[in-house]
C-alpha cells in the first residue's frame, strides 16, 4: 500500500493511458506520439545541460558569481542576469539547472528571477520576430511590461526567500 502511495501519479498516468487506448485509440496514438517526441527531446537536451552545469560548477568560482550577480552586485547584477537570460535559445527547462547552480554559488534571488523571466519571455530573437509580425509598438509595450513584471516579481521574491532558505 505504501508503494502505491509513493507512485500514485505515475500509476494514475498509466490508468489514463489505458483508458485512452481502450475507449479513444486515436487520441491515445496522438498522445503517445507527443509523449515520445518530448521524451526524445529531453534525452537529447538534458545530457549536454548537465555537462554545462558541471563545467559551470568547476570553472566559475563562487566569488565570481557573487561579484557578478550576488548580494552586492546592484544594477550590474540586474543587467548581467537580464543579458544571460535574453541571449540563449532553447526551452526554459534548460535554464532551471543553471539557475539552481547559480543560487547555490551565491546569486541573489531577484537576479535569478530576472534571468529566468528573461529566458522565458524576453529573448532577443523572439523580440525580433515579434516586432516583424506584431509591430514595433506592440513589441516595445510587451517588452516594457514583461521586464517591469519580472523585476517586481524578483524583488518581491527576494523579500520572501532568504539565502539561508536555499539548499546548498
C-alpha atoms as a PDB file:
ATOM      1  CA  UNK A   1       0.000   0.000   0.000  1.00  0.00           C
ATOM      2  CA  UNK A   2       2.905   2.327   0.787  1.00  0.00           C
ATOM      3  CA  UNK A   3       4.310   1.637  -2.691  1.00  0.00           C
ATOM      4  CA  UNK A   4       1.013   2.674  -4.298  1.00  0.00           C
ATOM      5  CA  UNK A   5       1.029   5.958  -2.373  1.00  0.00           C
ATOM      6  CA  UNK A   6       4.604   6.608  -3.402  1.00  0.00           C
ATOM      7  CA  UNK A   7       3.884   6.074  -7.113  1.00  0.00           C
ATOM      8  CA  UNK A   8       0.296   7.298  -7.322  1.00  0.00           C
ATOM      9  CA  UNK A   9       0.976   9.935 -10.004  1.00  0.00           C
ATOM     10  CA  UNK A  10       2.698   7.538 -12.466  1.00  0.00           C
ATOM     11  CA  UNK A  11       0.076   4.866 -11.759  1.00  0.00           C
ATOM     12  CA  UNK A  12      -2.708   7.356 -12.447  1.00  0.00           C
ATOM     13  CA  UNK A  13      -0.999   8.305 -15.701  1.00  0.00           C
ATOM     14  CA  UNK A  14      -0.815   4.638 -16.745  1.00  0.00           C
ATOM     15  CA  UNK A  15      -4.538   4.248 -15.988  1.00  0.00           C
ATOM     16  CA  UNK A  16      -5.345   7.309 -18.092  1.00  0.00           C
ATOM     17  CA  UNK A  17      -3.277   5.919 -20.976  1.00  0.00           C
ATOM     18  CA  UNK A  18      -5.039   2.556 -20.690  1.00  0.00           C
ATOM     19  CA  UNK A  19      -8.452   4.256 -20.703  1.00  0.00           C
ATOM     20  CA  UNK A  20      -7.440   6.267 -23.767  1.00  0.00           C
ATOM     21  CA  UNK A  21      -6.174   3.131 -25.525  1.00  0.00           C
ATOM     22  CA  UNK A  22      -9.421   1.274 -24.846  1.00  0.00           C
ATOM     23  CA  UNK A  23     -12.047   3.951 -25.460  1.00  0.00           C
ATOM     24  CA  UNK A  24     -10.273   6.505 -27.681  1.00  0.00           C
ATOM     25  CA  UNK A  25      -7.447   4.790 -29.567  1.00  0.00           C
ATOM     26  CA  UNK A  26      -6.919   7.719 -31.955  1.00  0.00           C
ATOM     27  CA  UNK A  27      -6.359  10.100 -29.042  1.00  0.00           C
ATOM     28  CA  UNK A  28      -4.126   7.509 -27.404  1.00  0.00           C
ATOM     29  CA  UNK A  29      -1.946   7.284 -30.504  1.00  0.00           C
ATOM     30  CA  UNK A  30      -1.554  11.055 -30.752  1.00  0.00           C
ATOM     31  CA  UNK A  31      -0.866  11.270 -27.026  1.00  0.00           C
ATOM     32  CA  UNK A  32       1.815   8.588 -27.253  1.00  0.00           C
ATOM     33  CA  UNK A  33       3.444  10.373 -30.179  1.00  0.00           C
ATOM     34  CA  UNK A  34       3.610  13.650 -28.240  1.00  0.00           C
ATOM     35  CA  UNK A  35       4.952  11.884 -25.145  1.00  0.00           C
ATOM     36  CA  UNK A  36       7.673  10.057 -27.073  1.00  0.00           C
ATOM     37  CA  UNK A  37       8.631  13.192 -29.042  1.00  0.00           C
ATOM     38  CA  UNK A  38       9.003  15.069 -25.768  1.00  0.00           C
ATOM     39  CA  UNK A  39      10.995  12.201 -24.240  1.00  0.00           C
ATOM     40  CA  UNK A  40      13.326  12.162 -27.257  1.00  0.00           C
ATOM     41  CA  UNK A  41      13.818  15.921 -26.956  1.00  0.00           C
ATOM     42  CA  UNK A  42      14.629  15.573 -23.258  1.00  0.00           C
ATOM     43  CA  UNK A  43      17.112  12.756 -23.907  1.00  0.00           C
ATOM     44  CA  UNK A  44      18.896  14.912 -26.486  1.00  0.00           C
ATOM     45  CA  UNK A  45      18.951  18.128 -24.426  1.00  0.00           C
ATOM     46  CA  UNK A  46      19.398  17.140 -20.775  1.00  0.00           C
ATOM     47  CA  UNK A  47      22.848  15.415 -21.008  1.00  0.00           C
ATOM     48  CA  UNK A  48      24.549  18.476 -22.566  1.00  0.00           C
ATOM     49  CA  UNK A  49      22.852  20.661 -19.954  1.00  0.00           C
ATOM     50  CA  UNK A  50      24.305  18.528 -17.170  1.00  0.00           C
ATOM     51  CA  UNK A  51      27.741  18.755 -18.781  1.00  0.00           C
ATOM     52  CA  UNK A  52      27.408  22.549 -18.932  1.00  0.00           C
ATOM     53  CA  UNK A  53      26.302  22.630 -15.293  1.00  0.00           C
ATOM     54  CA  UNK A  54      29.320  20.583 -14.321  1.00  0.00           C
ATOM     55  CA  UNK A  55      31.609  22.928 -16.227  1.00  0.00           C
ATOM     56  CA  UNK A  56      29.934  25.949 -14.632  1.00  0.00           C
ATOM     57  CA  UNK A  57      30.425  24.361 -11.225  1.00  0.00           C
ATOM     58  CA  UNK A  58      34.127  23.716 -11.836  1.00  0.00           C
ATOM     59  CA  UNK A  59      35.227  26.638 -13.999  1.00  0.00           C
ATOM     60  CA  UNK A  60      33.335  29.574 -12.476  1.00  0.00           C
ATOM     61  CA  UNK A  61      34.363  30.304  -8.885  1.00  0.00           C
ATOM     62  CA  UNK A  62      31.742  31.097  -6.282  1.00  0.00           C
ATOM     63  CA  UNK A  63      33.342  34.501  -5.672  1.00  0.00           C
ATOM     64  CA  UNK A  64      32.911  35.418  -9.336  1.00  0.00           C
ATOM     65  CA  UNK A  65      29.192  34.585  -9.243  1.00  0.00           C
ATOM     66  CA  UNK A  66      28.768  36.594  -6.040  1.00  0.00           C
ATOM     67  CA  UNK A  67      30.566  39.528  -7.627  1.00  0.00           C
ATOM     68  CA  UNK A  68      28.547  39.437 -10.864  1.00  0.00           C
ATOM     69  CA  UNK A  69      25.028  38.606  -9.616  1.00  0.00           C
ATOM     70  CA  UNK A  70      25.313  38.247  -5.857  1.00  0.00           C
ATOM     71  CA  UNK A  71      24.079  40.401  -2.982  1.00  0.00           C
ATOM     72  CA  UNK A  72      26.379  43.343  -3.662  1.00  0.00           C
ATOM     73  CA  UNK A  73      26.036  43.381  -7.460  1.00  0.00           C
ATOM     74  CA  UNK A  74      23.413  46.136  -7.690  1.00  0.00           C
ATOM     75  CA  UNK A  75      22.376  47.286 -11.167  1.00  0.00           C
ATOM     76  CA  UNK A  76      25.325  45.451 -12.718  1.00  0.00           C
ATOM     77  CA  UNK A  77      23.836  42.192 -11.443  1.00  0.00           C
ATOM     78  CA  UNK A  78      20.444  43.064 -12.855  1.00  0.00           C
ATOM     79  CA  UNK A  79      21.874  43.810 -16.310  1.00  0.00           C
ATOM     80  CA  UNK A  80      24.112  40.740 -16.316  1.00  0.00           C
ATOM     81  CA  UNK A  81      21.211  38.473 -15.286  1.00  0.00           C
ATOM     82  CA  UNK A  82      18.998  40.041 -17.929  1.00  0.00           C
ATOM     83  CA  UNK A  83      21.681  39.575 -20.600  1.00  0.00           C
ATOM     84  CA  UNK A  84      22.264  35.939 -19.567  1.00  0.00           C
ATOM     85  CA  UNK A  85      18.532  35.280 -19.988  1.00  0.00           C
ATOM     86  CA  UNK A  86      17.979  37.086 -23.298  1.00  0.00           C
ATOM     87  CA  UNK A  87      20.836  35.625 -25.339  1.00  0.00           C
ATOM     88  CA  UNK A  88      20.419  31.829 -25.235  1.00  0.00           C
ATOM     89  CA  UNK A  89      17.837  29.897 -27.165  1.00  0.00           C
ATOM     90  CA  UNK A  90      16.250  26.704 -26.024  1.00  0.00           C
ATOM     91  CA  UNK A  91      13.465  25.533 -23.789  1.00  0.00           C
ATOM     92  CA  UNK A  92      13.002  27.014 -20.335  1.00  0.00           C
ATOM     93  CA  UNK A  93      13.666  23.726 -18.566  1.00  0.00           C
ATOM     94  CA  UNK A  94      17.299  24.097 -19.631  1.00  0.00           C
ATOM     95  CA  UNK A  95      17.570  27.274 -17.542  1.00  0.00           C
ATOM     96  CA  UNK A  96      16.404  25.744 -14.253  1.00  0.00           C
ATOM     97  CA  UNK A  97      19.512  23.642 -13.513  1.00  0.00           C
ATOM     98  CA  UNK A  98      21.637  26.667 -14.344  1.00  0.00           C
ATOM     99  CA  UNK A  99      19.552  28.859 -12.045  1.00  0.00           C
ATOM    100  CA  UNK A 100      19.896  26.306  -9.242  1.00  0.00           C
ATOM    101  CA  UNK A 101      23.668  26.203  -9.623  1.00  0.00           C
ATOM    102  CA  UNK A 102      23.866  29.997  -9.651  1.00  0.00           C
ATOM    103  CA  UNK A 103      21.730  30.198  -6.497  1.00  0.00           C
ATOM    104  CA  UNK A 104      23.963  27.705  -4.732  1.00  0.00           C
ATOM    105  CA  UNK A 105      27.007  29.762  -5.709  1.00  0.00           C
ATOM    106  CA  UNK A 106      25.581  32.913  -4.114  1.00  0.00           C
ATOM    107  CA  UNK A 107      23.446  34.647  -6.751  1.00  0.00           C
ATOM    108  CA  UNK A 108      20.668  36.899  -5.495  1.00  0.00           C
ATOM    109  CA  UNK A 109      17.144  35.524  -5.807  1.00  0.00           C
ATOM    110  CA  UNK A 110      15.965  38.639  -7.656  1.00  0.00           C
ATOM    111  CA  UNK A 111      18.731  38.234 -10.246  1.00  0.00           C
ATOM    112  CA  UNK A 112      17.803  34.589 -10.779  1.00  0.00           C
ATOM    113  CA  UNK A 113      14.147  35.556 -11.261  1.00  0.00           C
ATOM    114  CA  UNK A 114      15.236  38.180 -13.804  1.00  0.00           C
ATOM    115  CA  UNK A 115      17.388  35.565 -15.556  1.00  0.00           C
ATOM    116  CA  UNK A 116      14.522  33.039 -15.710  1.00  0.00           C
ATOM    117  CA  UNK A 117      11.967  35.673 -16.715  1.00  0.00           C
ATOM    118  CA  UNK A 118      14.200  36.947 -19.499  1.00  0.00           C
ATOM    119  CA  UNK A 119      14.872  33.384 -20.687  1.00  0.00           C
ATOM    120  CA  UNK A 120      11.147  32.638 -20.724  1.00  0.00           C
ATOM    121  CA  UNK A 121       9.763  35.798 -22.287  1.00  0.00           C
ATOM    122  CA  UNK A 122      12.373  38.311 -23.452  1.00  0.00           C
ATOM    123  CA  UNK A 123      14.758  36.521 -25.797  1.00  0.00           C
ATOM    124  CA  UNK A 124      16.308  38.786 -28.413  1.00  0.00           C
ATOM    125  CA  UNK A 125      15.489  36.517 -31.408  1.00  0.00           C
ATOM    126  CA  UNK A 126      11.911  36.251 -30.143  1.00  0.00           C
ATOM    127  CA  UNK A 127      11.627  40.046 -29.902  1.00  0.00           C
ATOM    128  CA  UNK A 128      12.835  40.480 -33.477  1.00  0.00           C
ATOM    129  CA  UNK A 129      10.281  38.010 -34.841  1.00  0.00           C
ATOM    130  CA  UNK A 130       7.575  39.535 -32.671  1.00  0.00           C
ATOM    131  CA  UNK A 131       8.348  43.032 -33.975  1.00  0.00           C
ATOM    132  CA  UNK A 132       8.190  41.772 -37.553  1.00  0.00           C
ATOM    133  CA  UNK A 133       4.782  40.132 -37.188  1.00  0.00           C
ATOM    134  CA  UNK A 134       3.066  42.170 -34.472  1.00  0.00           C
ATOM    135  CA  UNK A 135       4.705  45.536 -34.957  1.00  0.00           C
ATOM    136  CA  UNK A 136       7.240  47.569 -33.035  1.00  0.00           C
ATOM    137  CA  UNK A 137       4.735  49.385 -30.768  1.00  0.00           C
ATOM    138  CA  UNK A 138       3.264  46.095 -29.545  1.00  0.00           C
ATOM    139  CA  UNK A 139       6.706  44.546 -29.038  1.00  0.00           C
ATOM    140  CA  UNK A 140       8.003  47.593 -27.152  1.00  0.00           C
ATOM    141  CA  UNK A 141       4.944  47.639 -24.878  1.00  0.00           C
ATOM    142  CA  UNK A 142       5.109  43.903 -24.180  1.00  0.00           C
ATOM    143  CA  UNK A 143       8.846  44.107 -23.545  1.00  0.00           C
ATOM    144  CA  UNK A 144       8.395  47.007 -21.111  1.00  0.00           C
ATOM    145  CA  UNK A 145       5.508  45.383 -19.237  1.00  0.00           C
ATOM    146  CA  UNK A 146       7.221  41.990 -19.091  1.00  0.00           C
ATOM    147  CA  UNK A 147      10.508  43.458 -17.869  1.00  0.00           C
ATOM    148  CA  UNK A 148       8.704  45.526 -15.249  1.00  0.00           C
ATOM    149  CA  UNK A 149       6.742  42.495 -14.048  1.00  0.00           C
ATOM    150  CA  UNK A 150       9.876  40.319 -13.888  1.00  0.00           C
ATOM    151  CA  UNK A 151      11.728  42.956 -11.850  1.00  0.00           C
ATOM    152  CA  UNK A 152       8.814  43.396  -9.435  1.00  0.00           C
ATOM    153  CA  UNK A 153       8.405  39.632  -9.019  1.00  0.00           C
ATOM    154  CA  UNK A 154      12.145  39.275  -8.415  1.00  0.00           C
ATOM    155  CA  UNK A 155      12.165  41.988  -5.757  1.00  0.00           C
ATOM    156  CA  UNK A 156       9.089  40.563  -4.020  1.00  0.00           C
ATOM    157  CA  UNK A 157      10.513  37.030  -4.009  1.00  0.00           C
ATOM    158  CA  UNK A 158      13.784  38.392  -2.635  1.00  0.00           C
ATOM    159  CA  UNK A 159      11.826  39.563   0.431  1.00  0.00           C
ATOM    160  CA  UNK A 160      10.321  36.112   0.994  1.00  0.00           C
ATOM    161  CA  UNK A 161      13.234  33.830   0.084  1.00  0.00           C
ATOM    162  CA  UNK A 162      16.294  34.359   2.246  1.00  0.00           C
ATOM    163  CA  UNK A 163      19.760  32.978   1.406  1.00  0.00           C
ATOM    164  CA  UNK A 164      19.519  30.513   4.283  1.00  0.00           C
ATOM    165  CA  UNK A 165      16.349  29.037   2.675  1.00  0.00           C
ATOM    166  CA  UNK A 166      18.322  27.941  -0.396  1.00  0.00           C
ATOM    167  CA  UNK A 167      19.661  24.370  -0.135  1.00  0.00           C
ATOM    168  CA  UNK A 168      23.419  24.094  -0.534  1.00  0.00           C
END
